[in-house]
Amino acid sequence: MKVKIHSKHVDAKLKAAMHAMCSYALARLGVSNRIIKNLNITIHMGHHLNEGEAKVAKKANRYRPRDFKIYLDHHRMERDDYNRSLEDTEWGHRVLKTLAHELVHVKQYIVGELSWRDAGLLWHGKNFDPKNLLNYYELPYEVEAYGREYGLLVGFLVVWNNIEKELKDELDNLV
């Protein structure tokens, strides 16, 4: 898998964690190694309409997508739901959790559950058009993504802690 991260204000250690999260999350979500090794994921960190969004890249095959763009608005992640400012570690965890959420959508695109057509975003061939925020959280593809994001984050942090111990010197040189 090729992962490119476009960002100006994210340190190298978090970028390394984001790379690792992509492999970890897709493997935990049941995407085969054969497919994972042929994926291209470009992550754009910057201002966006939403906290995160995953899209099939324009050049990708719409029936068997392997090229994806993920947008993460890390500015929106600086405060929690109660408008409290997040510390660096909390902020990094929020970035990784949002990335995990978007990787669930990537998995949904890969296996054909979610697709983009002229009619809009389709879940198993059916168009869902949320009328309000409550409807948005009840969309089947969002239910799965929100349901899996925290578990993927916790599992990844356990793995990442071990990786950090093994690669301590190399990771310290990145910072």
Protein backbone atom coordinates (compact mmCIF):
# COMPACT_ATOMS: atom_id res chain seq x y z
CA MET A 1 0.00 0.00 0.00
CA LYS A 2 1.18 3.48 -0.81
CA VAL A 3 0.17 6.15 1.68
CA LYS A 4 0.91 9.82 1.06
CA ILE A 5 0.23 12.40 3.73
CA HIS A 6 -0.02 16.06 2.78
CA SER A 7 0.29 18.28 5.83
CA LYS A 8 2.33 21.17 7.10
CA HIS A 9 1.80 21.11 10.83
CA VAL A 10 1.89 17.43 11.74
CA ASP A 11 5.07 15.98 13.20
CA ALA A 12 6.82 12.98 11.69
CA LYS A 13 5.89 10.68 14.59
CA LEU A 14 2.15 11.24 14.04
CA LYS A 15 2.64 10.79 10.29
CA ALA A 16 4.35 7.45 10.96
CA ALA A 17 1.43 6.46 13.21
CA MET A 18 -1.03 7.45 10.47
CA HIS A 19 0.83 5.24 7.97
CA ALA A 20 0.71 2.34 10.41
CA MET A 21 -2.98 2.96 11.20
CA CYS A 22 -3.87 2.55 7.52
CA SER A 23 -2.38 -0.95 7.41
CA TYR A 24 -3.66 -1.92 10.83
CA ALA A 25 -7.25 -0.76 10.34
CA LEU A 26 -7.72 -2.28 6.89
CA ALA A 27 -6.28 -5.60 8.05
CA ARG A 28 -8.57 -5.61 11.15
CA LEU A 29 -11.53 -4.77 8.89
CA GLY A 30 -10.88 -7.95 6.89
CA VAL A 31 -9.41 -6.49 3.71
CA SER A 32 -7.11 -9.09 2.18
CA ASN A 33 -3.35 -8.53 2.00
CA ARG A 34 -3.54 -8.92 -1.79
CA ILE A 35 -5.87 -5.93 -2.02
CA ILE A 36 -4.09 -3.90 0.69
CA LYS A 37 -0.79 -4.05 -1.17
CA ASN A 38 -2.45 -2.57 -4.29
CA LEU A 39 -4.06 0.40 -2.54
CA ASN A 40 -3.11 4.05 -2.90
CA ILE A 41 -4.30 6.32 -0.12
CA THR A 42 -3.65 10.05 -0.13
CA ILE A 43 -4.39 11.85 3.12
CA HIS A 44 -4.89 15.61 3.00
CA MET A 45 -4.66 17.42 6.34
CA GLY A 46 -6.18 20.89 6.21
CA HIS A 47 -9.40 22.86 6.29
CA HIS A 48 -12.40 20.90 5.02
CA LEU A 49 -16.18 21.05 5.25
CA ASN A 50 -16.23 18.06 7.61
CA GLU A 51 -13.91 16.68 10.24
CA GLY A 52 -13.12 13.85 7.85
CA GLU A 53 -14.14 12.46 4.49
CA ALA A 54 -13.10 9.47 2.40
CA LYS A 55 -13.57 9.49 -1.35
CA VAL A 56 -12.69 7.31 -4.27
CA ALA A 57 -10.04 9.20 -6.25
CA LYS A 58 -11.22 10.56 -9.60
CA LYS A 59 -8.79 8.40 -11.55
CA ALA A 60 -9.92 5.22 -9.78
CA ASN A 61 -11.99 2.42 -11.28
CA ARG A 62 -15.43 3.11 -9.85
CA TYR A 63 -16.35 -0.58 -9.79
CA ARG A 64 -13.11 -1.85 -8.19
CA PRO A 65 -11.62 1.21 -6.51
CA ARG A 66 -8.04 1.04 -5.24
CA ASP A 67 -7.18 4.77 -5.15
CA PHE A 68 -8.61 6.87 -2.33
CA LYS A 69 -8.39 10.36 -0.91
CA ILE A 70 -9.00 11.00 2.75
CA TYR A 71 -9.50 14.52 4.01
CA LEU A 72 -8.88 15.25 7.70
CA ASP A 73 -9.55 18.71 9.07
CA HIS A 74 -7.18 18.67 12.02
CA HIS A 75 -8.23 22.22 12.92
CA ARG A 76 -11.70 20.95 13.82
CA MET A 77 -10.08 18.33 16.04
CA GLU A 78 -8.37 20.85 18.33
CA ARG A 79 -11.42 21.02 20.60
CA ASP A 80 -13.59 18.26 22.03
CA ASP A 81 -17.39 18.05 21.98
CA TYR A 82 -17.54 20.30 25.06
CA ASN A 83 -15.33 22.96 23.39
CA ARG A 84 -12.34 22.14 25.61
CA SER A 85 -8.92 22.51 24.05
CA LEU A 86 -7.20 19.15 23.46
CA GLU A 87 -3.59 18.49 24.50
CA ASP A 88 -1.15 17.12 21.94
CA THR A 89 -1.69 13.44 22.79
CA GLU A 90 -5.48 13.79 22.89
CA TRP A 91 -5.39 15.67 19.60
CA GLY A 92 -3.23 12.97 18.01
CA HIS A 93 -5.62 10.29 19.22
CA ARG A 94 -8.54 12.22 17.74
CA VAL A 95 -6.74 12.44 14.39
CA LEU A 96 -6.08 8.68 14.47
CA LYS A 97 -9.68 7.91 15.51
CA THR A 98 -11.03 10.04 12.67
CA LEU A 99 -8.61 8.35 10.26
CA ALA A 100 -9.88 4.95 11.48
CA HIS A 101 -13.46 6.11 10.83
CA GLU A 102 -12.57 7.11 7.28
CA LEU A 103 -10.72 3.84 6.70
CA VAL A 104 -13.96 1.99 7.52
CA HIS A 105 -15.48 3.89 4.58
CA VAL A 106 -12.49 2.91 2.42
CA LYS A 107 -13.18 -0.73 3.31
CA GLN A 108 -16.84 -0.20 2.41
CA TYR A 109 -15.83 1.13 -1.02
CA ILE A 110 -13.39 -1.74 -1.59
CA VAL A 111 -15.90 -4.50 -0.84
CA GLY A 112 -18.68 -2.78 -2.78
CA GLU A 113 -20.97 -1.92 0.12
CA LEU A 114 -20.58 1.80 -0.55
CA SER A 115 -20.33 3.32 -4.02
CA TRP A 116 -20.51 6.69 -5.71
CA ARG A 117 -22.66 6.99 -8.81
CA ASP A 118 -24.42 9.82 -10.62
CA ALA A 119 -27.37 9.28 -8.26
CA GLY A 120 -25.11 10.01 -5.27
CA LEU A 121 -23.69 7.90 -2.49
CA LEU A 122 -25.18 4.41 -2.52
CA TRP A 123 -25.19 1.78 0.24
CA HIS A 124 -25.78 -1.67 -1.28
CA GLY A 125 -27.24 0.08 -4.33
CA LYS A 126 -29.71 2.22 -2.38
CA ASN A 127 -29.42 5.99 -2.13
CA PHE A 128 -29.70 7.39 1.38
CA ASP A 129 -30.29 11.13 1.61
CA PRO A 130 -30.12 12.34 5.20
CA LYS A 131 -32.47 15.22 5.91
CA ASN A 132 -30.76 16.29 9.13
CA LEU A 133 -27.95 15.38 11.51
CA LEU A 134 -30.03 12.74 13.30
CA ASN A 135 -30.64 10.95 10.00
CA TYR A 136 -26.93 11.20 9.19
CA TYR A 137 -25.97 9.24 12.31
CA GLU A 138 -28.49 6.54 11.37
CA LEU A 139 -27.08 5.95 7.89
CA PRO A 140 -25.93 2.31 7.75
CA TYR A 141 -22.44 3.18 6.53
CA GLU A 142 -22.02 5.74 9.33
CA VAL A 143 -23.32 3.35 11.98
CA GLU A 144 -20.57 0.91 11.04
CA ALA A 145 -17.89 3.60 10.85
CA TYR A 146 -18.77 5.18 14.21
CA GLY A 147 -19.14 1.73 15.73
CA ARG A 148 -15.68 0.59 14.65
CA GLU A 149 -13.60 3.79 15.02
CA TYR A 150 -12.93 3.61 18.75
CA GLY A 151 -12.16 -0.11 18.78
CA LEU A 152 -9.73 0.36 15.91
CA LEU A 153 -8.06 3.22 17.77
CA VAL A 154 -7.66 1.28 21.03
CA GLY A 155 -6.33 -1.82 19.25
CA PHE A 156 -3.95 0.29 17.19
CA LEU A 157 -2.60 2.14 20.24
CA VAL A 158 -1.67 -1.18 21.85
CA VAL A 159 0.18 -2.23 18.69
CA TRP A 160 1.69 1.25 18.24
CA ASN A 161 3.01 1.24 21.83
CA ASN A 162 4.96 -1.94 21.02
CA ILE A 163 6.20 -0.50 17.72
CA GLU A 164 7.38 2.65 19.52
CA LYS A 165 9.38 0.57 22.01
CA GLU A 166 11.04 -1.43 19.22
CA LEU A 167 11.78 1.59 17.03
CA LYS A 168 12.40 4.18 19.76
CA ASP A 169 15.68 5.50 18.32
CA GLU A 170 14.41 5.76 14.76
CA LEU A 171 11.16 7.46 15.82
CA ASP A 172 13.07 9.91 18.02
CA ASN A 173 15.18 10.85 15.00
CA LEU A 174 12.00 11.64 13.02
CA VAL A 175 10.90 14.28 15.52
